[in-house]
Amino acid sequence: MRAVATGGVRLAASDEGYKELSKVLSYEEVKARITDPVRTFEIALDIGIMGVLYHPRKYDWRIVPDPKDRWLLDLAFESRADYIVTRDRHFLDIESDLAELGFAVLTPPDLLHELAIESH
């Protein structure tokens, strides 16, 4: 979030992304890992405040096997993103195909590593 706050990273958000965040936060295995609900709320609030909200049109990305996940590529395309940051296997498995579209697919730890390299 520091990189977003200082302008080093532009965070693209969408209504579908907020729905996904709410859904994932309701998973029992995720709730069990949240040790500091206040910090979780602060991060969610930061995403809402500092993210640039997009309302992308829906495309038919047949490259993404799960139609329920296509919103992420819609958002990446409309926002002209450099990275898609996810742990979703659907995106990690098609990383090379997405690279041809101009998107690097990174897991959150990979993004943190990339940001650390860029700051040196």
N, C-alpha and C. Protein backbone atom coordinates (compact mmCIF):
# COMPACT_ATOMS: atom_id res chain seq x y z
N MET A 1 0.83 -1.19 0.00
CA MET A 1 0.00 0.00 0.00
C MET A 1 0.87 1.25 0.00
N ARG A 2 2.07 1.13 0.56
CA ARG A 2 2.98 2.28 0.54
C ARG A 2 3.31 2.69 -0.89
N ALA A 3 3.54 1.71 -1.76
CA ALA A 3 3.86 2.01 -3.15
C ALA A 3 2.67 2.67 -3.85
N VAL A 4 1.47 2.28 -3.50
CA VAL A 4 0.28 2.91 -4.07
C VAL A 4 0.17 4.34 -3.56
N ALA A 5 0.36 4.54 -2.26
CA ALA A 5 0.23 5.87 -1.65
C ALA A 5 1.26 6.85 -2.19
N THR A 6 2.45 6.36 -2.53
CA THR A 6 3.51 7.25 -3.02
C THR A 6 3.52 7.37 -4.54
N GLY A 7 2.61 6.68 -5.21
CA GLY A 7 2.52 6.79 -6.66
C GLY A 7 3.40 5.82 -7.43
N GLY A 8 4.11 4.94 -6.73
CA GLY A 8 4.96 3.96 -7.41
C GLY A 8 4.17 2.88 -8.11
N VAL A 9 2.96 2.65 -7.63
CA VAL A 9 2.06 1.65 -8.21
C VAL A 9 0.68 2.27 -8.31
N ARG A 10 0.04 2.06 -9.43
CA ARG A 10 -1.34 2.51 -9.62
C ARG A 10 -2.23 1.29 -9.45
N LEU A 11 -3.17 1.37 -8.55
CA LEU A 11 -4.06 0.26 -8.23
C LEU A 11 -5.38 0.43 -8.98
N ALA A 12 -5.69 -0.52 -9.84
CA ALA A 12 -6.96 -0.49 -10.57
C ALA A 12 -7.98 -1.31 -9.81
N ALA A 13 -9.16 -0.77 -9.64
CA ALA A 13 -10.24 -1.45 -8.91
C ALA A 13 -11.49 -1.41 -9.77
N SER A 14 -12.41 -2.32 -9.45
CA SER A 14 -13.69 -2.35 -10.16
C SER A 14 -14.74 -2.91 -9.23
N ASP A 15 -15.99 -2.72 -9.60
CA ASP A 15 -17.08 -3.28 -8.80
C ASP A 15 -16.93 -4.78 -8.67
N GLU A 16 -16.57 -5.45 -9.76
CA GLU A 16 -16.37 -6.90 -9.72
C GLU A 16 -15.21 -7.27 -8.78
N GLY A 17 -14.17 -6.45 -8.78
CA GLY A 17 -13.04 -6.70 -7.89
C GLY A 17 -13.43 -6.58 -6.43
N TYR A 18 -14.26 -5.58 -6.12
CA TYR A 18 -14.73 -5.43 -4.74
C TYR A 18 -15.62 -6.60 -4.34
N LYS A 19 -16.44 -7.08 -5.27
CA LYS A 19 -17.27 -8.25 -4.98
C LYS A 19 -16.39 -9.47 -4.69
N GLU A 20 -15.35 -9.63 -5.50
CA GLU A 20 -14.43 -10.76 -5.31
C GLU A 20 -13.72 -10.65 -3.96
N LEU A 21 -13.28 -9.45 -3.61
CA LEU A 21 -12.61 -9.25 -2.32
C LEU A 21 -13.54 -9.62 -1.17
N SER A 22 -14.78 -9.19 -1.24
CA SER A 22 -15.75 -9.52 -0.20
C SER A 22 -15.98 -11.02 -0.12
N LYS A 23 -16.08 -11.66 -1.28
CA LYS A 23 -16.31 -13.11 -1.32
C LYS A 23 -15.14 -13.86 -0.69
N VAL A 24 -13.92 -13.49 -1.07
CA VAL A 24 -12.74 -14.18 -0.56
C VAL A 24 -12.59 -13.96 0.94
N LEU A 25 -12.88 -12.76 1.42
CA LEU A 25 -12.77 -12.49 2.85
C LEU A 25 -13.80 -13.27 3.67
N SER A 26 -14.82 -13.79 3.01
CA SER A 26 -15.83 -14.58 3.73
C SER A 26 -15.48 -16.07 3.80
N TYR A 27 -14.46 -16.52 3.07
CA TYR A 27 -14.05 -17.92 3.12
C TYR A 27 -13.54 -18.24 4.53
N GLU A 28 -13.95 -19.38 5.05
CA GLU A 28 -13.56 -19.76 6.40
C GLU A 28 -12.04 -19.83 6.55
N GLU A 29 -11.34 -20.39 5.55
CA GLU A 29 -9.89 -20.51 5.66
C GLU A 29 -9.21 -19.15 5.64
N VAL A 30 -9.81 -18.17 4.98
CA VAL A 30 -9.26 -16.81 4.98
C VAL A 30 -9.57 -16.13 6.31
N LYS A 31 -10.82 -16.24 6.76
CA LYS A 31 -11.19 -15.64 8.05
C LYS A 31 -10.31 -16.18 9.17
N ALA A 32 -9.97 -17.45 9.11
CA ALA A 32 -9.13 -18.05 10.15
C ALA A 32 -7.72 -17.46 10.16
N ARG A 33 -7.27 -16.95 9.02
CA ARG A 33 -5.92 -16.39 8.92
C ARG A 33 -5.86 -14.91 9.27
N ILE A 34 -7.01 -14.27 9.43
CA ILE A 34 -7.04 -12.84 9.76
C ILE A 34 -6.87 -12.69 11.27
N THR A 35 -5.67 -12.28 11.65
CA THR A 35 -5.38 -12.13 13.07
C THR A 35 -5.64 -10.71 13.56
N ASP A 36 -5.71 -9.76 12.63
CA ASP A 36 -5.93 -8.37 13.01
C ASP A 36 -7.03 -7.79 12.11
N PRO A 37 -8.28 -7.92 12.54
CA PRO A 37 -9.40 -7.42 11.72
C PRO A 37 -9.34 -5.92 11.45
N VAL A 38 -8.79 -5.16 12.39
CA VAL A 38 -8.69 -3.71 12.19
C VAL A 38 -7.73 -3.43 11.04
N ARG A 39 -6.59 -4.11 11.02
CA ARG A 39 -5.63 -3.91 9.92
C ARG A 39 -6.24 -4.36 8.59
N THR A 40 -7.00 -5.44 8.61
CA THR A 40 -7.67 -5.91 7.40
C THR A 40 -8.63 -4.84 6.89
N PHE A 41 -9.38 -4.23 7.79
CA PHE A 41 -10.29 -3.15 7.42
C PHE A 41 -9.52 -1.97 6.85
N GLU A 42 -8.39 -1.61 7.49
CA GLU A 42 -7.60 -0.48 7.01
C GLU A 42 -7.09 -0.73 5.59
N ILE A 43 -6.64 -1.94 5.32
CA ILE A 43 -6.14 -2.27 3.98
C ILE A 43 -7.28 -2.19 2.96
N ALA A 44 -8.44 -2.75 3.31
CA ALA A 44 -9.59 -2.68 2.41
C ALA A 44 -9.99 -1.23 2.16
N LEU A 45 -9.96 -0.42 3.18
CA LEU A 45 -10.28 1.00 3.03
C LEU A 45 -9.25 1.69 2.14
N ASP A 46 -7.98 1.38 2.33
CA ASP A 46 -6.92 1.94 1.47
C ASP A 46 -7.16 1.58 0.00
N ILE A 47 -7.52 0.34 -0.24
CA ILE A 47 -7.79 -0.09 -1.62
C ILE A 47 -8.93 0.74 -2.20
N GLY A 48 -9.99 0.94 -1.40
CA GLY A 48 -11.13 1.71 -1.86
C GLY A 48 -10.81 3.17 -2.10
N ILE A 49 -9.97 3.75 -1.26
CA ILE A 49 -9.65 5.17 -1.37
C ILE A 49 -8.58 5.43 -2.43
N MET A 50 -7.54 4.60 -2.44
CA MET A 50 -6.41 4.88 -3.33
C MET A 50 -6.51 4.20 -4.69
N GLY A 51 -7.39 3.22 -4.80
CA GLY A 51 -7.55 2.57 -6.09
C GLY A 51 -8.30 3.45 -7.07
N VAL A 52 -7.94 3.35 -8.32
CA VAL A 52 -8.67 4.06 -9.38
C VAL A 52 -9.80 3.14 -9.82
N LEU A 53 -11.03 3.61 -9.67
CA LEU A 53 -12.19 2.79 -9.96
C LEU A 53 -12.51 2.80 -11.45
N TYR A 54 -12.60 1.62 -12.01
CA TYR A 54 -12.96 1.45 -13.42
C TYR A 54 -14.28 0.68 -13.49
N HIS A 55 -15.01 0.94 -14.53
CA HIS A 55 -16.23 0.19 -14.83
C HIS A 55 -16.04 -0.39 -16.23
N PRO A 56 -15.18 -1.41 -16.34
CA PRO A 56 -14.83 -1.91 -17.68
C PRO A 56 -15.99 -2.63 -18.35
N ARG A 57 -15.98 -2.53 -19.67
CA ARG A 57 -16.96 -3.32 -20.41
C ARG A 57 -16.53 -4.78 -20.33
N LYS A 58 -17.45 -5.64 -20.57
CA LYS A 58 -17.16 -7.08 -20.50
C LYS A 58 -16.78 -7.59 -21.89
N TYR A 59 -15.64 -8.24 -21.93
CA TYR A 59 -15.15 -8.84 -23.16
C TYR A 59 -15.29 -10.36 -23.04
N ASP A 60 -15.19 -11.02 -24.16
CA ASP A 60 -15.29 -12.49 -24.16
C ASP A 60 -13.87 -13.06 -24.23
N TRP A 61 -13.21 -13.10 -23.10
CA TRP A 61 -11.83 -13.59 -23.01
C TRP A 61 -11.85 -15.11 -22.91
N ARG A 62 -11.92 -15.77 -24.01
CA ARG A 62 -11.95 -17.24 -23.99
C ARG A 62 -10.63 -17.83 -23.50
N ILE A 63 -9.61 -17.00 -23.46
CA ILE A 63 -8.30 -17.44 -22.97
C ILE A 63 -8.37 -17.78 -21.47
N VAL A 64 -9.30 -17.14 -20.75
CA VAL A 64 -9.47 -17.40 -19.32
C VAL A 64 -10.52 -18.49 -19.17
N PRO A 65 -10.13 -19.66 -18.66
CA PRO A 65 -11.04 -20.81 -18.65
C PRO A 65 -12.30 -20.64 -17.80
N ASP A 66 -12.22 -19.89 -16.72
CA ASP A 66 -13.39 -19.72 -15.85
C ASP A 66 -14.06 -18.38 -16.17
N PRO A 67 -15.27 -18.41 -16.73
CA PRO A 67 -15.95 -17.15 -17.09
C PRO A 67 -16.12 -16.21 -15.90
N LYS A 68 -16.19 -16.75 -14.68
CA LYS A 68 -16.35 -15.90 -13.50
C LYS A 68 -15.08 -15.11 -13.17
N ASP A 69 -13.95 -15.49 -13.78
CA ASP A 69 -12.69 -14.79 -13.53
C ASP A 69 -12.34 -13.79 -14.63
N ARG A 70 -13.14 -13.72 -15.66
CA ARG A 70 -12.81 -12.86 -16.80
C ARG A 70 -12.86 -11.37 -16.47
N TRP A 71 -13.56 -11.03 -15.40
CA TRP A 71 -13.63 -9.62 -14.99
C TRP A 71 -12.23 -9.06 -14.75
N LEU A 72 -11.30 -9.90 -14.27
CA LEU A 72 -9.96 -9.42 -13.96
C LEU A 72 -9.22 -9.00 -15.23
N LEU A 73 -9.40 -9.75 -16.28
CA LEU A 73 -8.77 -9.37 -17.55
C LEU A 73 -9.46 -8.15 -18.15
N ASP A 74 -10.78 -8.05 -17.98
CA ASP A 74 -11.49 -6.83 -18.41
C ASP A 74 -10.87 -5.61 -17.75
N LEU A 75 -10.67 -5.71 -16.43
CA LEU A 75 -10.11 -4.60 -15.67
C LEU A 75 -8.68 -4.31 -16.10
N ALA A 76 -7.87 -5.32 -16.26
CA ALA A 76 -6.48 -5.12 -16.68
C ALA A 76 -6.42 -4.44 -18.05
N PHE A 77 -7.26 -4.87 -18.96
CA PHE A 77 -7.28 -4.31 -20.30
C PHE A 77 -7.72 -2.85 -20.27
N GLU A 78 -8.82 -2.57 -19.61
CA GLU A 78 -9.37 -1.20 -19.57
C GLU A 78 -8.44 -0.23 -18.84
N SER A 79 -7.75 -0.71 -17.82
CA SER A 79 -6.89 0.17 -17.03
C SER A 79 -5.47 0.26 -17.58
N ARG A 80 -5.21 -0.53 -18.64
CA ARG A 80 -3.87 -0.59 -19.24
C ARG A 80 -2.83 -1.01 -18.21
N ALA A 81 -3.17 -2.04 -17.47
CA ALA A 81 -2.30 -2.54 -16.39
C ALA A 81 -1.03 -3.16 -16.95
N ASP A 82 0.01 -3.08 -16.15
CA ASP A 82 1.26 -3.78 -16.45
C ASP A 82 1.24 -5.17 -15.84
N TYR A 83 0.60 -5.28 -14.67
CA TYR A 83 0.60 -6.53 -13.93
C TYR A 83 -0.82 -6.96 -13.58
N ILE A 84 -1.02 -8.26 -13.57
CA ILE A 84 -2.18 -8.87 -12.95
C ILE A 84 -1.61 -9.59 -11.73
N VAL A 85 -2.03 -9.16 -10.55
CA VAL A 85 -1.50 -9.73 -9.31
C VAL A 85 -2.57 -10.65 -8.73
N THR A 86 -2.24 -11.94 -8.68
CA THR A 86 -3.22 -12.93 -8.27
C THR A 86 -2.53 -14.21 -7.82
N ARG A 87 -3.27 -15.01 -7.09
CA ARG A 87 -2.83 -16.36 -6.77
C ARG A 87 -3.68 -17.38 -7.53
N ASP A 88 -4.57 -16.89 -8.36
CA ASP A 88 -5.50 -17.74 -9.10
C ASP A 88 -4.75 -18.56 -10.14
N ARG A 89 -4.85 -19.88 -10.03
CA ARG A 89 -4.17 -20.80 -10.95
C ARG A 89 -4.58 -20.56 -12.40
N HIS A 90 -5.83 -20.16 -12.62
CA HIS A 90 -6.28 -19.93 -14.00
C HIS A 90 -5.38 -18.91 -14.71
N PHE A 91 -5.00 -17.88 -14.00
CA PHE A 91 -4.15 -16.84 -14.59
C PHE A 91 -2.69 -17.25 -14.61
N LEU A 92 -2.24 -17.89 -13.56
CA LEU A 92 -0.84 -18.32 -13.52
C LEU A 92 -0.56 -19.36 -14.60
N ASP A 93 -1.55 -20.20 -14.90
CA ASP A 93 -1.38 -21.24 -15.92
C ASP A 93 -1.33 -20.68 -17.34
N ILE A 94 -1.90 -19.50 -17.55
CA ILE A 94 -1.90 -18.91 -18.90
C ILE A 94 -1.01 -17.67 -18.96
N GLU A 95 -0.03 -17.62 -18.07
CA GLU A 95 0.86 -16.47 -17.96
C GLU A 95 1.50 -16.09 -19.29
N SER A 96 1.97 -17.06 -20.04
CA SER A 96 2.63 -16.74 -21.32
C SER A 96 1.64 -16.16 -22.32
N ASP A 97 0.41 -16.67 -22.33
CA ASP A 97 -0.61 -16.11 -23.22
C ASP A 97 -0.93 -14.66 -22.85
N LEU A 98 -0.99 -14.39 -21.55
CA LEU A 98 -1.29 -13.04 -21.09
C LEU A 98 -0.12 -12.10 -21.37
N ALA A 99 1.10 -12.63 -21.32
CA ALA A 99 2.27 -11.82 -21.64
C ALA A 99 2.19 -11.32 -23.08
N GLU A 100 1.66 -12.13 -23.97
CA GLU A 100 1.48 -11.71 -25.36
C GLU A 100 0.51 -10.54 -25.46
N LEU A 101 -0.41 -10.42 -24.49
CA LEU A 101 -1.35 -9.30 -24.45
C LEU A 101 -0.76 -8.10 -23.71
N GLY A 102 0.44 -8.27 -23.14
CA GLY A 102 1.11 -7.16 -22.46
C GLY A 102 0.98 -7.17 -20.95
N PHE A 103 0.46 -8.25 -20.37
CA PHE A 103 0.28 -8.33 -18.93
C PHE A 103 1.24 -9.35 -18.32
N ALA A 104 1.99 -8.91 -17.33
CA ALA A 104 2.77 -9.85 -16.54
C ALA A 104 1.87 -10.34 -15.41
N VAL A 105 1.91 -11.62 -15.13
CA VAL A 105 1.12 -12.19 -14.05
C VAL A 105 2.06 -12.47 -12.89
N LEU A 106 1.75 -11.87 -11.74
CA LEU A 106 2.58 -12.02 -10.56
C LEU A 106 1.72 -12.44 -9.37
N THR A 107 2.30 -13.23 -8.49
CA THR A 107 1.66 -13.48 -7.21
C THR A 107 1.98 -12.28 -6.32
N PRO A 108 1.25 -12.09 -5.23
CA PRO A 108 1.58 -10.96 -4.34
C PRO A 108 3.04 -10.97 -3.87
N PRO A 109 3.61 -12.12 -3.46
CA PRO A 109 5.03 -12.08 -3.08
C PRO A 109 5.95 -11.69 -4.24
N ASP A 110 5.61 -12.13 -5.46
CA ASP A 110 6.41 -11.75 -6.63
C ASP A 110 6.37 -10.24 -6.85
N LEU A 111 5.19 -9.64 -6.66
CA LEU A 111 5.07 -8.19 -6.83
C LEU A 111 5.92 -7.47 -5.78
N LEU A 112 5.86 -7.93 -4.53
CA LEU A 112 6.67 -7.31 -3.48
C LEU A 112 8.16 -7.41 -3.83
N HIS A 113 8.56 -8.54 -4.35
CA HIS A 113 9.96 -8.72 -4.78
C HIS A 113 10.29 -7.75 -5.90
N GLU A 114 9.41 -7.63 -6.88
CA GLU A 114 9.61 -6.71 -8.01
C GLU A 114 9.72 -5.27 -7.53
N LEU A 115 8.87 -4.88 -6.59
CA LEU A 115 8.91 -3.51 -6.06
C LEU A 115 10.21 -3.26 -5.30
N ALA A 116 10.68 -4.27 -4.57
CA ALA A 116 11.94 -4.14 -3.84
C ALA A 116 13.11 -3.93 -4.80
N ILE A 117 13.10 -4.64 -5.91
CA ILE A 117 14.17 -4.50 -6.92
C ILE A 117 14.12 -3.11 -7.52
N GLU A 118 12.93 -2.64 -7.86
CA GLU A 118 12.78 -1.32 -8.49
C GLU A 118 13.18 -0.19 -7.56
N SER A 119 13.06 -0.38 -6.24
CA SER A 119 13.38 0.70 -5.32
C SER A 119 14.87 0.84 -5.06
N HIS A 120 15.66 -0.13 -5.53
CA HIS A 120 17.11 -0.06 -5.33
C HIS A 120 17.81 0.63 -6.46
